[in-house]
Protein backbone atom coordinates (compact mmCIF):
# COMPACT_ATOMS: atom_id res chain seq x y z
CA MET A 1 -7.33 45.07 56.92
CA LYS A 2 -4.88 46.83 59.28
CA HIS A 3 -3.03 48.56 56.69
CA PRO A 4 -5.39 49.67 54.03
CA SER A 5 -3.25 52.78 53.54
CA ARG A 6 -0.39 50.37 52.02
CA ILE A 7 -3.00 48.82 49.37
CA ILE A 8 -4.35 52.02 48.36
CA ALA A 9 -0.69 53.53 47.88
CA THR A 10 0.03 50.37 45.93
CA GLY A 11 -2.93 51.09 43.53
CA LEU A 12 -1.92 54.81 43.10
CA LEU A 13 1.41 53.88 42.42
CA ALA A 14 0.57 51.45 39.75
CA LEU A 15 -1.89 54.04 38.31
CA THR A 16 1.00 56.75 38.14
CA LEU A 17 3.49 54.41 36.49
CA HIS A 18 0.95 53.10 33.97
CA ALA A 19 -0.02 56.96 33.22
CA SER A 20 3.61 57.85 32.87
CA ALA A 21 4.00 55.05 30.27
CA GLN A 22 1.07 56.10 28.22
CA SER A 23 2.36 59.57 28.22
CA GLY A 24 5.99 58.66 27.21
CA LEU A 25 7.65 60.32 29.97
CA ARG A 26 10.77 58.69 31.78
CA MET A 27 9.61 59.18 35.45
CA PRO A 28 12.02 58.89 38.28
CA ASN A 29 11.68 56.14 40.47
CA PRO A 30 9.21 57.11 43.34
CA LEU A 31 11.12 54.83 45.82
CA ASP A 32 14.44 56.79 45.10
CA THR A 33 12.80 59.77 47.10
CA LEU A 34 12.24 57.84 50.52
CA ASN A 35 14.68 57.92 53.48
CA PRO A 36 15.71 54.78 55.16
CA ALA A 37 12.97 54.77 57.68
CA GLU A 38 10.35 55.30 55.18
CA ARG A 39 11.59 52.23 53.26
CA ARG A 40 11.72 50.16 56.18
CA LEU A 41 8.10 51.11 57.18
CA LEU A 42 7.01 50.22 53.35
CA SER A 43 9.04 47.07 53.59
CA THR A 44 7.07 46.15 56.57
CA GLN A 45 3.65 47.25 55.16
CA ALA A 46 4.39 45.09 52.03
CA ASP A 47 5.32 42.23 54.23
CA GLN A 48 1.81 42.46 55.93
CA PHE A 49 0.10 43.06 52.48
CA PHE A 50 1.54 39.86 51.39
CA ASN A 51 0.69 38.00 54.61
CA ALA A 52 -2.92 39.30 54.11
CA VAL A 53 -3.37 37.28 51.44
CA LYS A 54 -1.99 34.06 52.41
CA PRO A 55 -5.36 32.60 53.11
CA ALA A 56 -6.45 33.12 49.30
CA VAL A 57 -3.39 31.14 48.33
CA ASN A 58 -3.13 28.73 50.84
CA THR A 59 -5.31 25.72 49.13
CA ALA A 60 -3.75 26.51 45.63
CA ALA A 61 -0.27 26.14 47.34
CA GLN A 62 -0.92 22.51 48.04
CA SER A 63 -1.31 21.96 44.50
CA THR A 64 1.96 23.90 43.40
CA VAL A 65 5.60 22.64 42.80
CA ASN A 66 8.85 24.11 42.27
CA VAL A 67 10.18 22.62 39.09
CA THR A 68 14.19 22.38 39.54
CA PHE A 69 17.33 21.53 37.83
CA ARG A 70 20.73 21.03 39.79
CA GLY A 71 19.38 22.62 42.80
CA LYS A 72 17.77 25.80 41.09
CA ARG A 73 14.21 26.23 40.36
CA ILE A 74 13.79 27.12 36.88
CA ALA A 75 9.79 26.97 36.66
CA LEU A 76 6.62 26.48 39.01
CA GLY A 77 4.25 23.71 38.31
CA THR A 78 0.54 23.16 38.81
CA ALA A 79 -0.31 19.37 39.77
CA ILE A 80 -3.28 18.29 37.78
CA SER A 81 -3.70 14.69 38.84
CA GLU A 82 -3.03 12.58 41.91
CA ASP A 83 -0.65 10.43 39.96
CA GLY A 84 2.09 12.76 39.71
CA GLU A 85 1.01 14.83 36.43
CA ILE A 86 2.21 18.54 36.38
CA LEU A 87 1.42 21.28 34.26
CA SER A 88 4.34 23.78 33.64
CA LYS A 89 6.16 26.08 31.07
CA TRP A 90 7.80 24.34 28.18
CA SER A 91 10.20 26.80 27.34
CA GLU A 92 11.66 27.04 30.85
CA VAL A 93 11.87 23.40 31.54
CA ALA A 94 13.19 22.06 28.04
CA ALA A 95 16.89 22.20 28.39
CA ALA A 96 16.65 19.99 31.43
CA SER A 97 13.28 18.19 30.29
CA GLN A 98 14.64 14.56 31.22
CA HIS A 99 16.48 15.58 34.13
CA LEU A 100 14.13 17.55 36.46
CA VAL A 101 13.43 17.50 40.21
CA ILE A 102 10.20 18.75 41.49
CA ILE A 103 9.92 19.85 45.17
CA THR A 104 6.48 19.64 46.56
CA ALA A 105 4.68 21.84 49.24
CA ASP A 106 5.86 19.43 52.01
CA GLY A 107 9.42 19.85 50.85
CA SER A 108 9.87 16.32 49.64
CA GLN A 109 11.90 15.93 46.36
CA HIS A 110 11.05 13.68 43.34
CA ALA A 111 12.74 12.75 39.93
CA ALA A 112 10.45 13.88 36.95
CA ILE A 113 10.76 14.15 33.30
CA VAL A 114 8.66 15.93 30.69
CA THR A 115 6.21 13.50 28.79
CA GLY A 116 4.04 15.66 26.70
CA VAL A 117 3.92 19.39 25.09
CA TYR A 118 1.21 21.60 23.99
CA PRO A 119 3.75 23.84 21.87
CA GLU A 120 0.91 26.20 20.74
CA HIS A 121 0.58 27.48 24.58
CA ASP A 122 4.13 26.85 25.66
CA LEU A 123 2.89 24.09 28.05
CA ALA A 124 4.52 20.96 29.03
CA ILE A 125 3.11 17.83 30.90
CA ILE A 126 5.72 16.76 33.82
CA LYS A 127 5.58 13.39 35.27
CA THR A 128 6.72 12.23 38.49
CA ASP A 129 6.13 8.95 40.71
CA ALA A 130 5.05 11.36 43.83
CA LYS A 131 1.41 11.29 44.83
CA LEU A 132 -0.14 14.98 44.49
CA THR A 133 -2.83 17.15 45.24
CA PRO A 134 -4.61 18.04 42.08
CA VAL A 135 -5.52 21.91 41.65
CA GLN A 136 -9.18 22.47 42.00
CA TRP A 137 -10.16 24.82 38.79
CA ALA A 138 -12.52 27.53 38.87
CA LYS A 139 -14.83 27.24 36.38
CA GLN A 140 -16.63 30.50 36.62
CA ALA A 141 -16.27 33.24 34.19
CA ALA A 142 -12.95 34.96 34.04
CA PRO A 143 -11.92 37.73 36.80
CA GLU A 144 -13.03 41.25 35.91
CA LEU A 145 -10.69 44.18 35.16
CA GLY A 146 -9.22 45.56 38.19
CA ASP A 147 -9.68 42.46 40.08
CA PHE A 148 -6.63 41.69 42.47
CA ILE A 149 -5.01 38.23 41.74
CA ALA A 150 -1.94 36.40 43.23
CA LEU A 151 0.29 33.58 42.13
CA ALA A 152 0.82 30.68 44.79
CA ASN A 153 4.04 29.14 45.52
CA PRO A 154 4.67 25.83 47.44
CA ALA A 155 5.45 27.74 50.60
CA GLY A 156 2.05 28.69 50.98
CA GLU A 157 2.76 32.30 50.26
CA ALA A 158 1.85 34.86 47.40
CA GLU A 159 4.74 34.66 44.92
CA GLY A 160 3.46 37.71 42.84
CA LEU A 161 0.19 40.05 43.38
CA GLY A 162 -1.35 42.10 40.65
CA VAL A 163 -4.37 43.21 39.32
CA VAL A 164 -6.14 42.28 36.09
CA SER A 165 -5.45 44.85 33.29
CA VAL A 166 -6.99 43.20 30.01
CA LYS A 167 -9.37 40.39 30.07
CA PRO A 168 -8.75 36.96 28.17
CA ARG A 169 -7.68 38.00 24.59
CA SER A 170 -5.44 36.50 21.80
CA LEU A 171 -1.95 37.61 21.16
CA ARG A 172 -1.49 35.91 17.87
CA GLU A 173 -1.46 38.27 14.88
CA ARG A 174 -4.21 36.52 12.85
CA ASP A 175 -6.55 36.93 15.95
CA LYS A 176 -6.03 40.81 16.39
CA ALA A 177 -8.49 43.08 15.09
CA TYR A 178 -7.29 45.76 12.41
CA LEU A 179 -8.91 49.21 12.49
CA GLY A 180 -6.46 50.88 9.75
CA VAL A 181 -5.51 54.02 11.68
CA MET A 182 -2.34 55.52 13.19
CA MET A 183 -2.55 57.67 16.51
CA ASP A 184 -1.09 60.61 18.04
CA PHE A 185 0.33 59.24 21.15
CA THR A 186 1.39 62.61 22.45
CA VAL A 187 -2.12 63.55 22.99
CA ALA A 188 -4.13 62.72 26.07
CA GLY A 189 -7.52 64.51 27.40
CA GLU A 190 -11.22 64.82 26.67
CA GLY A 191 -10.60 66.12 23.30
CA GLY A 192 -10.35 62.94 21.56
CA ILE A 193 -7.44 61.23 19.77
CA PRO A 194 -6.10 62.55 16.38
CA LEU A 195 -5.42 60.16 13.81
CA THR A 196 -2.27 60.90 11.73
CA ARG A 197 -2.78 58.39 9.15
CA VAL A 198 -5.83 56.24 7.89
CA MET A 199 -4.39 53.20 6.08
CA PRO A 200 -5.60 52.68 2.50
CA ASP A 201 -8.17 49.81 1.98
CA SER A 202 -8.69 49.42 5.73
CA GLY A 203 -11.91 49.42 7.55
CA ALA A 204 -11.58 52.83 8.77
CA PHE A 205 -10.86 54.12 5.29
CA LYS A 206 -13.83 52.35 3.79
CA ALA A 207 -16.22 53.84 6.59
CA GLY A 208 -14.82 57.29 5.59
CA LEU A 209 -12.30 58.39 8.11
CA LYS A 210 -9.58 60.59 6.86
CA ASP A 211 -6.00 61.69 8.12
CA GLY A 212 -6.75 64.46 10.88
CA ASP A 213 -9.97 63.19 12.03
CA VAL A 214 -10.32 63.05 15.88
CA VAL A 215 -11.85 60.06 17.35
CA VAL A 216 -13.78 60.90 20.51
CA ALA A 217 -15.63 57.61 21.29
CA ILE A 218 -15.91 54.00 20.26
CA ASP A 219 -19.34 52.22 20.79
CA ASP A 220 -20.52 55.43 22.74
CA ARG A 221 -17.51 54.84 25.11
CA LYS A 222 -15.39 58.29 25.36
CA ILE A 223 -11.77 57.88 24.35
CA ASN A 224 -9.17 60.00 26.35
CA GLY A 225 -5.79 58.49 25.22
CA ALA A 226 -4.33 56.63 22.51
CA MET A 227 -3.16 53.91 24.85
CA GLU A 228 -7.00 53.35 25.84
CA MET A 229 -8.03 53.23 22.48
CA ARG A 230 -5.31 50.52 21.53
CA ASN A 231 -6.35 48.50 24.91
CA LEU A 232 -9.98 48.91 23.75
CA LEU A 233 -9.47 47.56 20.21
CA GLN A 234 -7.07 44.65 21.40
CA ARG A 235 -10.13 43.34 23.34
CA LEU A 236 -12.02 42.94 19.90
CA VAL A 237 -11.67 40.18 17.10
CA PRO A 238 -11.39 40.47 13.43
CA GLY A 239 -14.99 40.60 11.56
CA SER A 240 -16.50 42.68 14.41
CA GLU A 241 -18.06 45.97 13.81
CA ILE A 242 -17.74 49.10 15.86
CA LYS A 243 -19.48 52.79 15.87
CA VAL A 244 -16.61 55.17 15.79
CA ARG A 245 -17.66 58.72 16.30
CA TYR A 246 -15.18 61.09 15.45
CA ARG A 247 -14.77 65.12 14.93
CA ARG A 248 -13.73 66.64 11.58
CA GLY A 249 -13.60 70.69 11.74
CA ASP A 250 -16.21 71.37 14.04
CA ALA A 251 -18.83 68.93 13.37
CA GLU A 252 -19.12 65.33 14.75
CA HIS A 253 -20.03 62.13 12.83
CA ASN A 254 -20.65 58.61 13.36
CA ALA A 255 -19.14 55.69 10.98
CA MET A 256 -19.76 52.19 11.28
CA VAL A 257 -16.30 50.38 10.75
CA HIS A 258 -15.92 46.50 9.96
CA LEU A 259 -12.45 45.53 11.52
CA GLY A 260 -10.18 43.41 9.62
CA SER A 261 -7.21 41.29 10.68
CA ARG A 262 -3.93 42.32 11.21
CA ALA A 263 -2.28 39.24 9.86
CA ASP A 264 -3.84 40.22 6.55
CA ASN A 265 -2.39 43.67 6.45
CA ASP A 266 1.41 43.90 5.89
CA SER A 267 1.38 47.63 5.61
CA ILE A 268 0.87 47.87 9.17
CA ARG A 269 3.60 50.09 10.65
CA ARG A 270 4.87 48.16 13.67
CA VAL A 271 7.38 48.79 16.25
CA PRO A 272 10.76 47.51 15.04
CA GLN A 273 11.33 44.48 16.75
CA ALA A 274 14.81 45.63 18.30
CA ARG A 275 13.26 48.54 19.86
CA MET A 276 10.27 46.50 21.16
CA SER A 277 12.57 44.05 22.65
CA LYS A 278 14.58 46.80 24.32
CA MET A 279 11.36 48.12 25.75
CA GLN A 280 10.08 44.86 26.94
CA ARG A 281 13.53 44.41 29.10
CA MET A 282 13.43 47.62 30.83
CA GLY A 283 12.94 47.15 34.40
CA ALA A 284 12.14 43.41 34.16
CA ILE A 285 13.45 40.23 32.94
CA PRO A 286 10.86 39.00 30.29
CA SER A 287 10.34 35.10 29.59
CA LYS A 288 12.09 33.72 26.43
CA VAL A 289 8.56 32.77 25.09
CA ARG A 290 6.04 35.73 25.72
CA GLU A 291 3.99 36.28 22.53
CA ASN A 292 1.60 34.45 20.36
CA PHE A 293 -0.41 32.78 22.89
CA PRO A 294 -3.94 31.81 21.84
CA SER A 295 -5.65 33.16 24.99
CA VAL A 296 -4.47 35.09 28.14
CA ILE A 297 -5.37 37.34 30.71
CA GLN A 298 -2.99 40.31 31.06
CA SER A 299 -1.86 41.74 34.63
CA ASP A 300 0.70 43.86 35.95
CA MET A 301 1.75 41.29 38.31
CA ALA A 302 5.55 41.33 38.58
CA ILE A 303 7.07 37.99 38.58
CA GLU A 304 10.30 36.41 37.25
CA PRO A 305 10.66 33.97 34.32
CA ASN A 306 10.95 31.08 36.64
CA ASP A 307 7.76 31.82 38.38
CA ALA A 308 5.74 30.76 35.35
CA GLY A 309 3.87 27.53 35.39
CA GLY A 310 2.00 28.11 39.02
CA PRO A 311 -1.54 28.51 39.95
CA VAL A 312 -2.97 32.13 39.84
CA VAL A 313 -5.89 32.71 42.38
CA ASP A 314 -8.40 35.40 42.86
CA LEU A 315 -9.01 36.79 46.38
CA GLU A 316 -11.50 34.02 47.17
CA GLY A 317 -8.81 31.64 46.86
CA ARG A 318 -10.52 30.43 43.05
CA VAL A 319 -7.83 29.44 40.62
CA ILE A 320 -8.49 31.58 37.51
CA GLY A 321 -5.50 30.51 35.39
CA VAL A 322 -1.93 29.39 35.13
CA SER A 323 1.12 32.27 35.10
CA ILE A 324 2.93 31.76 31.70
CA ALA A 325 5.15 34.66 30.80
CA ARG A 326 6.51 38.01 31.94
CA GLY A 327 5.74 39.92 28.86
CA SER A 328 7.68 43.42 30.11
CA ARG A 329 7.60 45.64 33.16
CA ILE A 330 4.06 46.17 33.13
CA LYS A 331 3.04 42.92 31.63
CA THR A 332 2.24 39.38 32.76
CA PHE A 333 0.36 36.84 31.09
CA ILE A 334 -2.09 34.35 32.50
CA ILE A 335 -3.70 31.30 30.67
CA PRO A 336 -7.25 31.52 31.94
CA THR A 337 -8.84 28.29 33.25
CA THR A 338 -11.18 27.75 30.45
CA THR A 339 -8.45 27.79 27.94
CA VAL A 340 -6.23 25.37 30.26
CA LEU A 341 -9.06 22.93 30.56
CA ASP A 342 -9.66 23.04 27.00
CA VAL A 343 -6.24 22.14 26.26
CA LEU A 344 -6.02 19.31 29.05
CA ALA A 345 -9.06 17.76 27.38
CA THR A 346 -6.76 17.10 24.26
CA LYS A 347 -3.42 14.73 23.89
CA PRO A 348 -0.35 16.69 24.17
CA GLU A 349 2.38 15.80 21.57
CA PRO A 350 4.58 13.13 23.14
CA TYR A 351 8.03 14.25 24.10
CA ARG A 352 10.89 13.71 21.84
CA PRO A 353 14.41 14.76 22.08
CA GLY A 354 14.24 16.92 18.62
CA MET A 355 11.52 18.89 20.48
CA VAL A 356 14.35 20.88 22.31
CA THR A 357 16.25 21.44 19.04
CA GLU A 358 13.11 22.68 17.24
CA LEU A 359 12.45 25.16 20.27
CA ASN A 360 16.33 26.60 20.32
CA GLN A 361 15.85 27.00 16.58
CA GLN A 362 12.51 29.05 17.27
CA LEU A 363 14.33 31.07 19.73
CA ALA A 364 17.36 31.93 17.93
CA GLY A 365 15.04 32.87 14.71
CA ASN A 366 13.20 35.47 17.03
CA ASN A 367 16.75 36.73 18.09
CA GLN A 368 17.91 37.15 14.51
CA VAL A 369 14.78 38.97 13.58
CA THR A 370 15.60 41.42 16.49
CA ARG A 371 19.14 41.94 15.20
CA ARG A 372 18.00 42.42 11.36
CA SER A 373 14.97 44.72 12.41
CA THR A 374 16.75 47.99 12.77
CA PRO A 375 20.63 47.30 11.90
CA ASN A 376 21.63 51.17 11.51
CA ALA A 377 18.94 52.61 14.43
CA ARG A 378 20.54 54.73 17.21
CA ASN A 379 19.32 54.54 20.56
CA ARG A 380 16.87 57.50 21.25
CA ARG A 381 16.28 59.08 24.39
CA VAL A 382 12.64 59.47 25.70
CA LEU A 383 13.36 62.86 26.99
CA PRO A 384 15.34 65.26 24.90
CA GLU A 385 18.83 66.25 25.66
CA SER A 386 17.85 69.76 26.81
CA ASP A 387 16.09 69.25 30.09
CA ASP A 388 15.50 72.96 31.11
CA ASP A 389 12.37 72.92 32.73
CA PRO A 390 11.85 69.31 34.55
CA MET A 391 8.96 70.65 36.83
CA GLY A 392 6.97 71.89 33.65
CA ARG A 393 7.24 68.49 32.19
CA VAL A 394 6.01 66.85 35.69
CA ARG A 395 3.14 69.40 35.90
CA LYS A 396 2.25 68.42 32.23
CA HIS A 397 2.39 64.50 33.19
CA LEU A 398 0.16 65.53 36.27
CA ARG A 399 -2.39 67.31 34.09
CA GLU A 400 -2.45 64.09 31.94
CA ILE A 401 -3.19 62.06 34.75
CA GLU A 402 -6.06 64.23 35.85
CA ARG A 403 -7.52 64.07 31.98
CA ASN A 404 -7.75 60.26 32.53
CA HIS A 405 -9.63 60.92 35.90
CA ASP A 406 -12.38 58.70 34.45
CA SER A 407 -10.28 55.56 34.39
CA THR A 408 -8.62 56.39 37.52
CA GLU A 409 -11.79 56.53 39.38
CA GLU A 410 -12.63 52.85 37.91
CA SER A 411 -9.63 51.63 39.27
CA LEU A 412 -10.09 53.20 42.67
CA ARG A 413 -13.39 51.70 42.99
CA ALA A 414 -11.66 48.16 42.19
CA ILE A 415 -9.58 49.02 44.77
CA GLU A 416 -11.89 49.48 47.46
CA ASP A 417 -13.72 46.51 46.40
CA ALA A 418 -10.56 44.52 46.83
CA LEU A 419 -9.95 45.91 50.14
CA ARG A 420 -13.43 44.94 51.19
CA ARG A 421 -12.99 41.50 50.06
CA MET A 422 -9.62 40.99 51.68
CA GLY A 423 -10.88 42.31 54.92
CA GLU A 424 -13.65 39.90 54.78
CA LEU A 425 -11.28 37.20 53.96
CA GLU A 426 -8.96 38.25 57.22
CA GLN A 427 -11.94 38.30 59.33
CA ARG A 428 -12.74 34.52 58.17
CA SER A 429 -9.20 33.42 58.81
CA GLN A 430 -9.00 34.55 62.17
CA ARG A 431 -12.33 32.83 63.30
């Protein structure tokens, strides 16, 4: 690889932005500090970086199509059979479902219609008369945390790049594990995470945890931040049991906690829907349908809503899933290959005109919930009005990054491994 510094810089920048999001600080855009020459250099190196991953996406690109309506791309599609069957994102193609035009990798255009729908996964089967090259699914285990992945487009380029940030998990409430605690998100470091409240009748309450206890480890893994603890819990399922090590006063204790289900606990204090929706839109255009998927991989890949439906590959070119939604500025969701194959092994619901109306009602209902959730809420600044010591805030932010050195080192190891693998790919492509 001729420009590894760009990859390392990208990785470090992603880590910094992630850390700033965890600390709750509104940090300035790092690109704003660059002069025109530096911006041009960064742009050139970014182009070289994208070009370096072309060998990885080249094969999958032959099975990728642009799904268009009136000359505008509304989604990507993944060819799943030679006789013209394509998998795409239902909510993005629904409005034009019987008037689609697909554009294949060779540039040819063909009329297409939606013939079937998998509503639970927001997937649609599109049919065209064109002969297609079906995608070759990778049936190995899901990618590991920190692995680089890329979204293919029909032009043989990477439409998006990112790393795996959360392994396959469910976004449905009934599938989410519930510990039953509220954490102090303002604290980060090796001292543990204080619990501001332990919910009555929760697994944590029954195991003996109390308000004010400080969680220092889960299953012998040290916890350095509330976001880290939350992400760890998101990978667990209801009914599982975890060992929580906590500090009360000067003494440390262990407790075995049986996790419940979030869907069974109406008392959970959630972020108001209106505020959550606003947070998701900051710095990104989220997909209309971006929640309640039964199984998704989470990545920091930056895509647009009309990039959903395309094949996602690892650096070896193996198709590890299908892009399904942009969740927020730092979240993109991918349905893993194993789930896609399970879905395709079942029959979709045959398309009927009423499906579009039902989808619109669902989306309208979500918007009503957003408007009703906090009718009198005022917008809150992330930083207070007084900003007398901005450098002090920056120093505090940097200290928090340093305290998260374990996760940073793990990510850097992943970046170094990705550099090695990309170098091998480049060498093979030059032979």
